[in-house]
Amino acid sequence: MRGEEGMPVGRLQEKIDIAASTLSHHLKKLVDTGLVVQERQATTLICTANYRNMDSLIGYLVNECCADAKCAAKADEVAA
């Protein structure tokens, strides 16, 4: 979804090589959860990652799912 400019759905499908119906299903879930934004430009549907919501989700996962010391220590090792 290439940063701020996004990526056309057709190009995304070519890049990850999955069926159009499968991609549509997954994109719908990502749009519904606010992780991806879609914008129509003429006949092209452009998908863009919603970085603010992604950052919030990652923060939540780190804070809530990795709250114990073992997981937090591993997360620190990976970040280094």
C-alpha atoms as a PDB file:
ATOM      1  CA  MET A   1       0.000   0.000   0.000  1.00  0.00           C
ATOM      2  CA  ARG A   2       3.063   2.081  -0.610  1.00  0.00           C
ATOM      3  CA  GLY A   3       3.084   4.847   1.926  1.00  0.00           C
ATOM      4  CA  GLU A   4       1.012   7.977   1.539  1.00  0.00           C
ATOM      5  CA  GLU A   5       0.199   7.569  -2.176  1.00  0.00           C
ATOM      6  CA  GLY A   6      -1.362   4.128  -1.748  1.00  0.00           C
ATOM      7  CA  MET A   7      -1.669   1.434  -4.385  1.00  0.00           C
ATOM      8  CA  PRO A   8      -4.393   0.515  -6.869  1.00  0.00           C
ATOM      9  CA  VAL A   9      -6.209  -2.706  -5.971  1.00  0.00           C
ATOM     10  CA  GLY A  10      -5.253  -4.275  -9.311  1.00  0.00           C
ATOM     11  CA  ARG A  11      -1.555  -3.608  -8.733  1.00  0.00           C
ATOM     12  CA  LEU A  12      -1.805  -4.960  -5.188  1.00  0.00           C
ATOM     13  CA  GLN A  13      -3.411  -8.133  -6.522  1.00  0.00           C
ATOM     14  CA  GLU A  14      -0.611  -8.583  -9.072  1.00  0.00           C
ATOM     15  CA  LYS A  15       2.055  -7.917  -6.442  1.00  0.00           C
ATOM     16  CA  ILE A  16       0.817 -10.466  -3.891  1.00  0.00           C
ATOM     17  CA  ASP A  17      -0.567 -12.903  -6.485  1.00  0.00           C
ATOM     18  CA  ILE A  18      -3.877 -13.897  -4.896  1.00  0.00           C
ATOM     19  CA  ALA A  19      -7.362 -14.271  -6.318  1.00  0.00           C
ATOM     20  CA  ALA A  20      -9.382 -11.071  -6.660  1.00  0.00           C
ATOM     21  CA  SER A  21     -12.149 -12.461  -4.437  1.00  0.00           C
ATOM     22  CA  THR A  22      -9.657 -13.329  -1.688  1.00  0.00           C
ATOM     23  CA  LEU A  23      -8.054  -9.898  -1.851  1.00  0.00           C
ATOM     24  CA  SER A  24     -11.460  -8.226  -1.797  1.00  0.00           C
ATOM     25  CA  HIS A  25     -12.443 -10.209   1.302  1.00  0.00           C
ATOM     26  CA  HIS A  26      -9.270  -9.265   3.187  1.00  0.00           C
ATOM     27  CA  LEU A  27      -9.342  -5.624   2.091  1.00  0.00           C
ATOM     28  CA  LYS A  28     -12.940  -5.333   3.292  1.00  0.00           C
ATOM     29  CA  LYS A  29     -11.884  -6.526   6.739  1.00  0.00           C
ATOM     30  CA  LEU A  30      -8.934  -4.110   6.805  1.00  0.00           C
ATOM     31  CA  VAL A  31     -11.171  -1.217   5.708  1.00  0.00           C
ATOM     32  CA  ASP A  32     -13.877  -2.182   8.234  1.00  0.00           C
ATOM     33  CA  THR A  33     -11.317  -2.137  11.050  1.00  0.00           C
ATOM     34  CA  GLY A  34      -9.828   1.166   9.906  1.00  0.00           C
ATOM     35  CA  LEU A  35      -6.382  -0.204   9.064  1.00  0.00           C
ATOM     36  CA  VAL A  36      -6.766   0.587   5.353  1.00  0.00           C
ATOM     37  CA  VAL A  37      -8.471   3.507   3.621  1.00  0.00           C
ATOM     38  CA  GLN A  38      -9.845   3.201   0.102  1.00  0.00           C
ATOM     39  CA  GLU A  39     -10.339   6.104  -2.286  1.00  0.00           C
ATOM     40  CA  ARG A  40     -11.862   5.977  -5.732  1.00  0.00           C
ATOM     41  CA  GLN A  41      -9.971   7.877  -8.430  1.00  0.00           C
ATOM     42  CA  ALA A  42     -12.076   7.665 -11.600  1.00  0.00           C
ATOM     43  CA  THR A  43     -12.343   3.905 -12.205  1.00  0.00           C
ATOM     44  CA  THR A  44      -9.420   2.962  -9.955  1.00  0.00           C
ATOM     45  CA  LEU A  45      -9.719   2.047  -6.288  1.00  0.00           C
ATOM     46  CA  ILE A  46      -6.640   3.152  -4.329  1.00  0.00           C
ATOM     47  CA  CYS A  47      -5.787   1.482  -1.002  1.00  0.00           C
ATOM     48  CA  THR A  48      -3.686   3.289   1.574  1.00  0.00           C
ATOM     49  CA  ALA A  49      -2.491   2.045   4.956  1.00  0.00           C
ATOM     50  CA  ASN A  50      -3.909   4.033   7.888  1.00  0.00           C
ATOM     51  CA  TYR A  51      -0.669   4.389   9.854  1.00  0.00           C
ATOM     52  CA  ARG A  52      -2.257   6.174  12.811  1.00  0.00           C
ATOM     53  CA  ASN A  53      -4.619   3.249  13.424  1.00  0.00           C
ATOM     54  CA  MET A  54      -1.839   0.717  12.809  1.00  0.00           C
ATOM     55  CA  ASP A  55       0.343   2.440  15.397  1.00  0.00           C
ATOM     56  CA  SER A  56      -2.548   2.377  17.879  1.00  0.00           C
ATOM     57  CA  LEU A  57      -3.125  -1.338  17.255  1.00  0.00           C
ATOM     58  CA  ILE A  58       0.562  -2.165  17.677  1.00  0.00           C
ATOM     59  CA  GLY A  59       0.681  -0.116  20.887  1.00  0.00           C
ATOM     60  CA  TYR A  60      -2.358  -1.961  22.210  1.00  0.00           C
ATOM     61  CA  LEU A  61      -0.869  -5.357  21.339  1.00  0.00           C
ATOM     62  CA  VAL A  62       2.420  -4.520  23.028  1.00  0.00           C
ATOM     63  CA  ASN A  63       0.750  -3.087  26.140  1.00  0.00           C
ATOM     64  CA  GLU A  64      -2.007  -5.661  26.572  1.00  0.00           C
ATOM     65  CA  CYS A  65      -0.768  -8.861  25.005  1.00  0.00           C
ATOM     66  CA  CYS A  66       2.881  -8.629  26.019  1.00  0.00           C
ATOM     67  CA  ALA A  67       2.408  -7.313  29.541  1.00  0.00           C
ATOM     68  CA  ASP A  68       4.262 -10.150  31.274  1.00  0.00           C
ATOM     69  CA  ALA A  69       8.007  -9.866  31.775  1.00  0.00           C
ATOM     70  CA  LYS A  70       8.974 -12.758  29.468  1.00  0.00           C
ATOM     71  CA  CYS A  71       7.171 -11.357  26.446  1.00  0.00           C
ATOM     72  CA  ALA A  72       8.271  -7.781  27.153  1.00  0.00           C
ATOM     73  CA  ALA A  73      11.910  -8.896  27.375  1.00  0.00           C
ATOM     74  CA  LYS A  74      11.633 -10.688  24.017  1.00  0.00           C
ATOM     75  CA  ALA A  75      10.017  -7.608  22.438  1.00  0.00           C
ATOM     76  CA  ASP A  76      12.907  -5.478  23.684  1.00  0.00           C
ATOM     77  CA  GLU A  77      15.422  -7.935  22.195  1.00  0.00           C
ATOM     78  CA  VAL A  78      13.658  -7.877  18.813  1.00  0.00           C
ATOM     79  CA  ALA A  79      13.523  -4.067  18.808  1.00  0.00           C
ATOM     80  CA  ALA A  80      17.271  -3.798  19.453  1.00  0.00           C
END
